Amino acid sequence: MSAQQAAVDPATARAYWSKTSGLMWTVLAMWFIAGFGIHFFAVQLNPIHVGGFPLAYYFAAQGSLIIFVVGLFWFGWKQNKIDEEFGVQED
């Protein structure tokens, strides 16, 4: 155990984990909706067109990938903000 780990009190560690796990569940929900939810309702969503393509086809082709990449950058940015808030950011 390093000296820095011992400096974090249990209440702060619980608050940090609460925010971090909340962020993780949010990103997993976004992933599930983009990866599976859209495709479960493909027939109902197909009347909606994006760039001339039915919405379900668009998500299968590239929309989900765009959401995943943007979600990863958002997750990294948000996690860094949480780390800075609790003083455990990387140098």
PDB file of N, CA and C in Angstrom:
ATOM      1  N   MET A   1       0.846  -1.174   0.000  1.00  0.00           N
ATOM      2  CA  MET A   1       0.000   0.000   0.000  1.00  0.00           C
ATOM      3  C   MET A   1       0.889   1.234   0.000  1.00  0.00           C
ATOM      4  N   SER A   2       0.641   2.149  -0.911  1.00  0.00           N
ATOM      5  CA  SER A   2       1.459   3.351  -0.980  1.00  0.00           C
ATOM      6  C   SER A   2       0.912   4.414  -0.020  1.00  0.00           C
ATOM      7  N   ALA A   3       1.713   5.452   0.194  1.00  0.00           N
ATOM      8  CA  ALA A   3       1.319   6.525   1.097  1.00  0.00           C
ATOM      9  C   ALA A   3       0.111   7.277   0.552  1.00  0.00           C
ATOM     10  N   GLN A   4       0.002   7.396  -0.794  1.00  0.00           N
ATOM     11  CA  GLN A   4      -1.116   8.120  -1.391  1.00  0.00           C
ATOM     12  C   GLN A   4      -2.431   7.369  -1.187  1.00  0.00           C
ATOM     13  N   GLN A   5      -2.405   6.042  -1.256  1.00  0.00           N
ATOM     14  CA  GLN A   5      -3.619   5.269  -1.051  1.00  0.00           C
ATOM     15  C   GLN A   5      -4.109   5.410   0.388  1.00  0.00           C
ATOM     16  N   ALA A   6      -3.204   5.468   1.336  1.00  0.00           N
ATOM     17  CA  ALA A   6      -3.580   5.588   2.733  1.00  0.00           C
ATOM     18  C   ALA A   6      -4.162   6.960   3.046  1.00  0.00           C
ATOM     19  N   ALA A   7      -3.877   7.995   2.213  1.00  0.00           N
ATOM     20  CA  ALA A   7      -4.345   9.343   2.471  1.00  0.00           C
ATOM     21  C   ALA A   7      -5.822   9.529   2.139  1.00  0.00           C
ATOM     22  N   VAL A   8      -6.432   8.629   1.373  1.00  0.00           N
ATOM     23  CA  VAL A   8      -7.837   8.761   0.997  1.00  0.00           C
ATOM     24  C   VAL A   8      -8.692   8.119   2.084  1.00  0.00           C
ATOM     25  N   ASP A   9      -9.572   8.936   2.672  1.00  0.00           N
ATOM     26  CA  ASP A   9     -10.419   8.383   3.742  1.00  0.00           C
ATOM     27  C   ASP A   9     -11.558   7.562   3.121  1.00  0.00           C
ATOM     28  N   PRO A  10     -12.141   6.663   3.886  1.00  0.00           N
ATOM     29  CA  PRO A  10     -13.180   5.768   3.343  1.00  0.00           C
ATOM     30  C   PRO A  10     -14.397   6.505   2.786  1.00  0.00           C
ATOM     31  N   ALA A  11     -14.799   7.614   3.405  1.00  0.00           N
ATOM     32  CA  ALA A  11     -15.967   8.354   2.902  1.00  0.00           C
ATOM     33  C   ALA A  11     -15.683   8.943   1.519  1.00  0.00           C
ATOM     34  N   THR A  12     -14.483   9.478   1.341  1.00  0.00           N
ATOM     35  CA  THR A  12     -14.101  10.028   0.042  1.00  0.00           C
ATOM     36  C   THR A  12     -14.005   8.915  -0.990  1.00  0.00           C
ATOM     37  N   ALA A  13     -13.456   7.777  -0.585  1.00  0.00           N
ATOM     38  CA  ALA A  13     -13.337   6.648  -1.505  1.00  0.00           C
ATOM     39  C   ALA A  13     -14.714   6.160  -1.935  1.00  0.00           C
ATOM     40  N   ARG A  14     -15.668   6.125  -1.008  1.00  0.00           N
ATOM     41  CA  ARG A  14     -17.033   5.697  -1.361  1.00  0.00           C
ATOM     42  C   ARG A  14     -17.684   6.702  -2.314  1.00  0.00           C
ATOM     43  N   ALA A  15     -17.492   8.000  -2.057  1.00  0.00           N
ATOM     44  CA  ALA A  15     -18.066   9.030  -2.930  1.00  0.00           C
ATOM     45  C   ALA A  15     -17.442   8.941  -4.326  1.00  0.00           C
ATOM     46  N   TYR A  16     -16.135   8.717  -4.370  1.00  0.00           N
ATOM     47  CA  TYR A  16     -15.441   8.582  -5.658  1.00  0.00           C
ATOM     48  C   TYR A  16     -15.982   7.372  -6.418  1.00  0.00           C
ATOM     49  N   TRP A  17     -16.107   6.249  -5.727  1.00  0.00           N
ATOM     50  CA  TRP A  17     -16.597   5.043  -6.386  1.00  0.00           C
ATOM     51  C   TRP A  17     -18.049   5.203  -6.824  1.00  0.00           C
ATOM     52  N   SER A  18     -18.838   5.909  -6.037  1.00  0.00           N
ATOM     53  CA  SER A  18     -20.231   6.152  -6.398  1.00  0.00           C
ATOM     54  C   SER A  18     -20.318   6.919  -7.719  1.00  0.00           C
ATOM     55  N   LYS A  19     -19.526   7.973  -7.852  1.00  0.00           N
ATOM     56  CA  LYS A  19     -19.543   8.747  -9.096  1.00  0.00           C
ATOM     57  C   LYS A  19     -18.980   7.941 -10.256  1.00  0.00           C
ATOM     58  N   THR A  20     -17.888   7.220 -10.006  1.00  0.00           N
ATOM     59  CA  THR A  20     -17.271   6.431 -11.070  1.00  0.00           C
ATOM     60  C   THR A  20     -18.200   5.309 -11.537  1.00  0.00           C
ATOM     61  N   SER A  21     -18.831   4.616 -10.598  1.00  0.00           N
ATOM     62  CA  SER A  21     -19.730   3.530 -11.006  1.00  0.00           C
ATOM     63  C   SER A  21     -20.982   4.090 -11.678  1.00  0.00           C
ATOM     64  N   GLY A  22     -21.448   5.256 -11.261  1.00  0.00           N
ATOM     65  CA  GLY A  22     -22.581   5.890 -11.937  1.00  0.00           C
ATOM     66  C   GLY A  22     -22.253   6.219 -13.380  1.00  0.00           C
ATOM     67  N   LEU A  23     -21.043   6.744 -13.592  1.00  0.00           N
ATOM     68  CA  LEU A  23     -20.603   7.028 -14.957  1.00  0.00           C
ATOM     69  C   LEU A  23     -20.510   5.746 -15.773  1.00  0.00           C
ATOM     70  N   MET A  24     -19.975   4.689 -15.160  1.00  0.00           N
ATOM     71  CA  MET A  24     -19.842   3.410 -15.862  1.00  0.00           C
ATOM     72  C   MET A  24     -21.209   2.872 -16.283  1.00  0.00           C
ATOM     73  N   TRP A  25     -22.185   2.905 -15.391  1.00  0.00           N
ATOM     74  CA  TRP A  25     -23.527   2.402 -15.725  1.00  0.00           C
ATOM     75  C   TRP A  25     -24.187   3.264 -16.787  1.00  0.00           C
ATOM     76  N   THR A  26     -23.932   4.570 -16.752  1.00  0.00           N
ATOM     77  CA  THR A  26     -24.478   5.448 -17.792  1.00  0.00           C
ATOM     78  C   THR A  26     -23.918   5.086 -19.159  1.00  0.00           C
ATOM     79  N   VAL A  27     -22.616   4.876 -19.234  1.00  0.00           N
ATOM     80  CA  VAL A  27     -21.991   4.523 -20.510  1.00  0.00           C
ATOM     81  C   VAL A  27     -22.452   3.145 -20.979  1.00  0.00           C
ATOM     82  N   LEU A  28     -22.606   2.205 -20.037  1.00  0.00           N
ATOM     83  CA  LEU A  28     -23.106   0.886 -20.421  1.00  0.00           C
ATOM     84  C   LEU A  28     -24.541   0.961 -20.931  1.00  0.00           C
ATOM     85  N   ALA A  29     -25.360   1.826 -20.346  1.00  0.00           N
ATOM     86  CA  ALA A  29     -26.735   1.995 -20.828  1.00  0.00           C
ATOM     87  C   ALA A  29     -26.731   2.580 -22.240  1.00  0.00           C
ATOM     88  N   MET A  30     -25.861   3.582 -22.477  1.00  0.00           N
ATOM     89  CA  MET A  30     -25.749   4.159 -23.823  1.00  0.00           C
ATOM     90  C   MET A  30     -25.311   3.086 -24.808  1.00  0.00           C
ATOM     91  N   TRP A  31     -24.338   2.266 -24.408  1.00  0.00           N
ATOM     92  CA  TRP A  31     -23.848   1.197 -25.274  1.00  0.00           C
ATOM     93  C   TRP A  31     -24.964   0.198 -25.571  1.00  0.00           C
ATOM     94  N   PHE A  32     -25.723  -0.190 -24.564  1.00  0.00           N
ATOM     95  CA  PHE A  32     -26.791  -1.166 -24.756  1.00  0.00           C
ATOM     96  C   PHE A  32     -27.868  -0.614 -25.691  1.00  0.00           C
ATOM     97  N   ILE A  33     -28.256   0.631 -25.480  1.00  0.00           N
ATOM     98  CA  ILE A  33     -29.301   1.229 -26.325  1.00  0.00           C
ATOM     99  C   ILE A  33     -28.825   1.329 -27.769  1.00  0.00           C
ATOM    100  N   ALA A  34     -27.584   1.807 -27.969  1.00  0.00           N
ATOM    101  CA  ALA A  34     -27.065   1.952 -29.335  1.00  0.00           C
ATOM    102  C   ALA A  34     -26.762   0.596 -29.966  1.00  0.00           C
ATOM    103  N   GLY A  35     -26.321  -0.354 -29.156  1.00  0.00           N
ATOM    104  CA  GLY A  35     -25.922  -1.650 -29.710  1.00  0.00           C
ATOM    105  C   GLY A  35     -27.058  -2.628 -29.901  1.00  0.00           C
ATOM    106  N   PHE A  36     -28.044  -2.570 -28.998  1.00  0.00           N
ATOM    107  CA  PHE A  36     -29.143  -3.540 -29.068  1.00  0.00           C
ATOM    108  C   PHE A  36     -30.511  -2.876 -29.171  1.00  0.00           C
ATOM    109  N   GLY A  37     -30.744  -1.831 -28.383  1.00  0.00           N
ATOM    110  CA  GLY A  37     -32.071  -1.226 -28.320  1.00  0.00           C
ATOM    111  C   GLY A  37     -32.586  -0.743 -29.650  1.00  0.00           C
ATOM    112  N   ILE A  38     -31.737  -0.077 -30.400  1.00  0.00           N
ATOM    113  CA  ILE A  38     -32.152   0.425 -31.718  1.00  0.00           C
ATOM    114  C   ILE A  38     -32.546  -0.739 -32.619  1.00  0.00           C
ATOM    115  N   HIS A  39     -31.806  -1.823 -32.548  1.00  0.00           N
ATOM    116  CA  HIS A  39     -32.054  -2.944 -33.448  1.00  0.00           C
ATOM    117  C   HIS A  39     -33.263  -3.767 -33.032  1.00  0.00           C
ATOM    118  N   PHE A  40     -33.613  -3.741 -31.735  1.00  0.00           N
ATOM    119  CA  PHE A  40     -34.829  -4.436 -31.306  1.00  0.00           C
ATOM    120  C   PHE A  40     -36.070  -3.807 -31.942  1.00  0.00           C
ATOM    121  N   PHE A  41     -36.006  -2.503 -32.186  1.00  0.00           N
ATOM    122  CA  PHE A  41     -37.153  -1.783 -32.731  1.00  0.00           C
ATOM    123  C   PHE A  41     -36.899  -1.344 -34.165  1.00  0.00           C
ATOM    124  N   ALA A  42     -36.171  -2.118 -34.909  1.00  0.00           N
ATOM    125  CA  ALA A  42     -35.785  -1.750 -36.273  1.00  0.00           C
ATOM    126  C   ALA A  42     -36.989  -1.515 -37.170  1.00  0.00           C
ATOM    127  N   VAL A  43     -37.967  -2.369 -37.109  1.00  0.00           N
ATOM    128  CA  VAL A  43     -39.130  -2.237 -37.995  1.00  0.00           C
ATOM    129  C   VAL A  43     -39.880  -0.937 -37.701  1.00  0.00           C
ATOM    130  N   GLN A  44     -40.020  -0.622 -36.408  1.00  0.00           N
ATOM    131  CA  GLN A  44     -40.752   0.584 -36.036  1.00  0.00           C
ATOM    132  C   GLN A  44     -39.951   1.845 -36.365  1.00  0.00           C
ATOM    133  N   LEU A  45     -38.620   1.751 -36.350  1.00  0.00           N
ATOM    134  CA  LEU A  45     -37.784   2.939 -36.586  1.00  0.00           C
ATOM    135  C   LEU A  45     -37.472   3.166 -38.054  1.00  0.00           C
ATOM    136  N   ASN A  46     -37.701   2.190 -38.899  1.00  0.00           N
ATOM    137  CA  ASN A  46     -37.328   2.330 -40.299  1.00  0.00           C
ATOM    138  C   ASN A  46     -38.055   3.436 -41.049  1.00  0.00           C
ATOM    139  N   PRO A  47     -39.279   3.826 -40.676  1.00  0.00           N
ATOM    140  CA  PRO A  47     -39.877   4.981 -41.375  1.00  0.00           C
ATOM    141  C   PRO A  47     -39.084   6.277 -41.176  1.00  0.00           C
ATOM    142  N   ILE A  48     -38.244   6.342 -40.131  1.00  0.00           N
ATOM    143  CA  ILE A  48     -37.405   7.533 -39.909  1.00  0.00           C
ATOM    144  C   ILE A  48     -36.152   7.377 -40.759  1.00  0.00           C
ATOM    145  N   HIS A  49     -35.814   8.416 -41.518  1.00  0.00           N
ATOM    146  CA  HIS A  49     -34.641   8.354 -42.395  1.00  0.00           C
ATOM    147  C   HIS A  49     -33.569   9.334 -41.941  1.00  0.00           C
ATOM    148  N   VAL A  50     -32.302   8.891 -42.015  1.00  0.00           N
ATOM    149  CA  VAL A  50     -31.144   9.733 -41.707  1.00  0.00           C
ATOM    150  C   VAL A  50     -30.221   9.679 -42.919  1.00  0.00           C
ATOM    151  N   GLY A  51     -30.022  10.810 -43.548  1.00  0.00           N
ATOM    152  CA  GLY A  51     -29.174  10.851 -44.733  1.00  0.00           C
ATOM    153  C   GLY A  51     -29.717   9.983 -45.864  1.00  0.00           C
ATOM    154  N   GLY A  52     -31.020   9.825 -45.916  1.00  0.00           N
ATOM    155  CA  GLY A  52     -31.644   9.037 -46.970  1.00  0.00           C
ATOM    156  C   GLY A  52     -31.740   7.547 -46.656  1.00  0.00           C
ATOM    157  N   PHE A  53     -31.236   7.117 -45.514  1.00  0.00           N
ATOM    158  CA  PHE A  53     -31.270   5.696 -45.137  1.00  0.00           C
ATOM    159  C   PHE A  53     -32.242   5.484 -43.979  1.00  0.00           C
ATOM    160  N   PRO A  54     -32.915   4.328 -43.934  1.00  0.00           N
ATOM    161  CA  PRO A  54     -33.750   4.032 -42.765  1.00  0.00           C
ATOM    162  C   PRO A  54     -32.905   4.043 -41.490  1.00  0.00           C
ATOM    163  N   LEU A  55     -33.500   4.510 -40.392  1.00  0.00           N
ATOM    164  CA  LEU A  55     -32.744   4.700 -39.145  1.00  0.00           C
ATOM    165  C   LEU A  55     -32.079   3.413 -38.653  1.00  0.00           C
ATOM    166  N   ALA A  56     -32.779   2.283 -38.711  1.00  0.00           N
ATOM    167  CA  ALA A  56     -32.183   1.018 -38.234  1.00  0.00           C
ATOM    168  C   ALA A  56     -30.986   0.620 -39.098  1.00  0.00           C
ATOM    169  N   TYR A  57     -31.093   0.809 -40.407  1.00  0.00           N
ATOM    170  CA  TYR A  57     -29.968   0.501 -41.290  1.00  0.00           C
ATOM    171  C   TYR A  57     -28.796   1.435 -40.995  1.00  0.00           C
ATOM    172  N   TYR A  58     -29.105   2.719 -40.808  1.00  0.00           N
ATOM    173  CA  TYR A  58     -28.056   3.693 -40.519  1.00  0.00           C
ATOM    174  C   TYR A  58     -27.302   3.319 -39.241  1.00  0.00           C
ATOM    175  N   PHE A  59     -28.032   2.924 -38.198  1.00  0.00           N
ATOM    176  CA  PHE A  59     -27.372   2.542 -36.948  1.00  0.00           C
ATOM    177  C   PHE A  59     -26.561   1.275 -37.116  1.00  0.00           C
ATOM    178  N   ALA A  60     -27.075   0.320 -37.887  1.00  0.00           N
ATOM    179  CA  ALA A  60     -26.323  -0.910 -38.104  1.00  0.00           C
ATOM    180  C   ALA A  60     -25.045  -0.632 -38.889  1.00  0.00           C
ATOM    181  N   ALA A  61     -25.117   0.287 -39.850  1.00  0.00           N
ATOM    182  CA  ALA A  61     -23.965   0.557 -40.718  1.00  0.00           C
ATOM    183  C   ALA A  61     -22.912   1.412 -40.035  1.00  0.00           C
ATOM    184  N   GLN A  62     -23.323   2.525 -39.412  1.00  0.00           N
ATOM    185  CA  GLN A  62     -22.314   3.416 -38.851  1.00  0.00           C
ATOM    186  C   GLN A  62     -22.772   4.207 -37.636  1.00  0.00           C
ATOM    187  N   GLY A  63     -24.026   4.369 -37.430  1.00  0.00           N
ATOM    188  CA  GLY A  63     -24.498   5.188 -36.320  1.00  0.00           C
ATOM    189  C   GLY A  63     -24.058   4.673 -34.970  1.00  0.00           C
ATOM    190  N   SER A  64     -24.134   3.357 -34.771  1.00  0.00           N
ATOM    191  CA  SER A  64     -23.711   2.785 -33.495  1.00  0.00           C
ATOM    192  C   SER A  64     -22.219   2.997 -33.272  1.00  0.00           C
ATOM    193  N   LEU A  65     -21.433   2.841 -34.322  1.00  0.00           N
ATOM    194  CA  LEU A  65     -19.984   3.043 -34.192  1.00  0.00           C
ATOM    195  C   LEU A  65     -19.662   4.482 -33.817  1.00  0.00           C
ATOM    196  N   ILE A  66     -20.362   5.418 -34.427  1.00  0.00           N
ATOM    197  CA  ILE A  66     -20.144   6.829 -34.092  1.00  0.00           C
ATOM    198  C   ILE A  66     -20.492   7.075 -32.628  1.00  0.00           C
ATOM    199  N   ILE A  67     -21.604   6.516 -32.183  1.00  0.00           N
ATOM    200  CA  ILE A  67     -21.999   6.686 -30.775  1.00  0.00           C
ATOM    201  C   ILE A  67     -20.974   6.053 -29.842  1.00  0.00           C
ATOM    202  N   PHE A  68     -20.437   4.879 -30.207  1.00  0.00           N
ATOM    203  CA  PHE A  68     -19.433   4.219 -29.364  1.00  0.00           C
ATOM    204  C   PHE A  68     -18.157   5.072 -29.256  1.00  0.00           C
ATOM    205  N   VAL A  69     -17.677   5.604 -30.362  1.00  0.00           N
ATOM    206  CA  VAL A  69     -16.436   6.400 -30.343  1.00  0.00           C
ATOM    207  C   VAL A  69     -16.655   7.700 -29.561  1.00  0.00           C
ATOM    208  N   VAL A  70     -17.761   8.384 -29.843  1.00  0.00           N
ATOM    209  CA  VAL A  70     -18.050   9.621 -29.114  1.00  0.00           C
ATOM    210  C   VAL A  70     -18.239   9.316 -27.622  1.00  0.00           C
ATOM    211  N   GLY A  71     -18.893   8.183 -27.329  1.00  0.00           N
ATOM    212  CA  GLY A  71     -19.087   7.785 -25.935  1.00  0.00           C
ATOM    213  C   GLY A  71     -17.777   7.517 -25.215  1.00  0.00           C
ATOM    214  N   LEU A  72     -16.814   6.929 -25.910  1.00  0.00           N
ATOM    215  CA  LEU A  72     -15.511   6.676 -25.286  1.00  0.00           C
ATOM    216  C   LEU A  72     -14.798   7.973 -24.936  1.00  0.00           C
ATOM    217  N   PHE A  73     -14.826   8.940 -25.858  1.00  0.00           N
ATOM    218  CA  PHE A  73     -14.183  10.223 -25.570  1.00  0.00           C
ATOM    219  C   PHE A  73     -14.916  10.944 -24.431  1.00  0.00           C
ATOM    220  N   TRP A  74     -16.233  10.888 -24.445  1.00  0.00           N
ATOM    221  CA  TRP A  74     -17.021  11.514 -23.376  1.00  0.00           C
ATOM    222  C   TRP A  74     -16.713  10.847 -22.037  1.00  0.00           C
ATOM    223  N   PHE A  75     -16.624   9.503 -22.028  1.00  0.00           N
ATOM    224  CA  PHE A  75     -16.309   8.781 -20.799  1.00  0.00           C
ATOM    225  C   PHE A  75     -14.944   9.208 -20.256  1.00  0.00           C
ATOM    226  N   GLY A  76     -13.932   9.272 -21.118  1.00  0.00           N
ATOM    227  CA  GLY A  76     -12.596   9.690 -20.695  1.00  0.00           C
ATOM    228  C   GLY A  76     -12.591  11.098 -20.134  1.00  0.00           C
ATOM    229  N   TRP A  77     -13.289  12.015 -20.798  1.00  0.00           N
ATOM    230  CA  TRP A  77     -13.363  13.400 -20.338  1.00  0.00           C
ATOM    231  C   TRP A  77     -14.062  13.471 -18.986  1.00  0.00           C
ATOM    232  N   LYS A  78     -15.179  12.775 -18.862  1.00  0.00           N
ATOM    233  CA  LYS A  78     -15.957  12.809 -17.620  1.00  0.00           C
ATOM    234  C   LYS A  78     -15.192  12.143 -16.465  1.00  0.00           C
ATOM    235  N   GLN A  79     -14.501  11.021 -16.748  1.00  0.00           N
ATOM    236  CA  GLN A  79     -13.725  10.351 -15.699  1.00  0.00           C
ATOM    237  C   GLN A  79     -12.575  11.235 -15.226  1.00  0.00           C
ATOM    238  N   ASN A  80     -11.941  11.950 -16.152  1.00  0.00           N
ATOM    239  CA  ASN A  80     -10.881  12.875 -15.749  1.00  0.00           C
ATOM    240  C   ASN A  80     -11.419  13.978 -14.855  1.00  0.00           C
ATOM    241  N   LYS A  81     -12.628  14.470 -15.151  1.00  0.00           N
ATOM    242  CA  LYS A  81     -13.241  15.496 -14.294  1.00  0.00           C
ATOM    243  C   LYS A  81     -13.500  14.934 -12.889  1.00  0.00           C
ATOM    244  N   ILE A  82     -13.969  13.697 -12.808  1.00  0.00           N
ATOM    245  CA  ILE A  82     -14.207  13.075 -11.497  1.00  0.00           C
ATOM    246  C   ILE A  82     -12.876  12.898 -10.759  1.00  0.00           C
ATOM    247  N   ASP A  83     -11.845  12.441 -11.473  1.00  0.00           N
ATOM    248  CA  ASP A  83     -10.530  12.265 -10.850  1.00  0.00           C
ATOM    249  C   ASP A  83      -9.996  13.583 -10.306  1.00  0.00           C
ATOM    250  N   GLU A  84     -10.154  14.668 -11.076  1.00  0.00           N
ATOM    251  CA  GLU A  84      -9.691  15.977 -10.619  1.00  0.00           C
ATOM    252  C   GLU A  84     -10.494  16.448  -9.405  1.00  0.00           C
ATOM    253  N   GLU A  85     -11.781  16.174  -9.412  1.00  0.00           N
ATOM    254  CA  GLU A  85     -12.636  16.582  -8.289  1.00  0.00           C
ATOM    255  C   GLU A  85     -12.171  15.946  -6.977  1.00  0.00           C
ATOM    256  N   PHE A  86     -11.705  14.691  -7.055  1.00  0.00           N
ATOM    257  CA  PHE A  86     -11.288  13.976  -5.848  1.00  0.00           C
ATOM    258  C   PHE A  86      -9.776  13.997  -5.645  1.00  0.00           C
ATOM    259  N   GLY A  87      -9.056  14.686  -6.521  1.00  0.00           N
ATOM    260  CA  GLY A  87      -7.608  14.826  -6.365  1.00  0.00           C
ATOM    261  C   GLY A  87      -6.821  13.560  -6.632  1.00  0.00           C
ATOM    262  N   VAL A  88      -7.343  12.682  -7.488  1.00  0.00           N
ATOM    263  CA  VAL A  88      -6.632  11.443  -7.807  1.00  0.00           C
ATOM    264  C   VAL A  88      -6.262  11.381  -9.294  1.00  0.00           C
ATOM    265  N   GLN A  89      -6.198  12.555  -9.925  1.00  0.00           N
ATOM    266  CA  GLN A  89      -5.866  12.590 -11.347  1.00  0.00           C
ATOM    267  C   GLN A  89      -4.423  12.169 -11.591  1.00  0.00           C
ATOM    268  N   GLU A  90      -4.185  11.725 -12.810  1.00  0.00           N
ATOM    269  CA  GLU A  90      -2.825  11.370 -13.202  1.00  0.00           C
ATOM    270  C   GLU A  90      -2.072  12.643 -13.541  1.00  0.00           C
ATOM    271  N   ASP A  91      -0.773  12.589 -13.420  1.00  0.00           N
ATOM    272  CA  ASP A  91       0.055  13.771 -13.718  1.00  0.00           C
ATOM    273  C   ASP A  91       0.212  13.983 -15.196  1.00  0.00           C
TER     274      ASP A  91
END
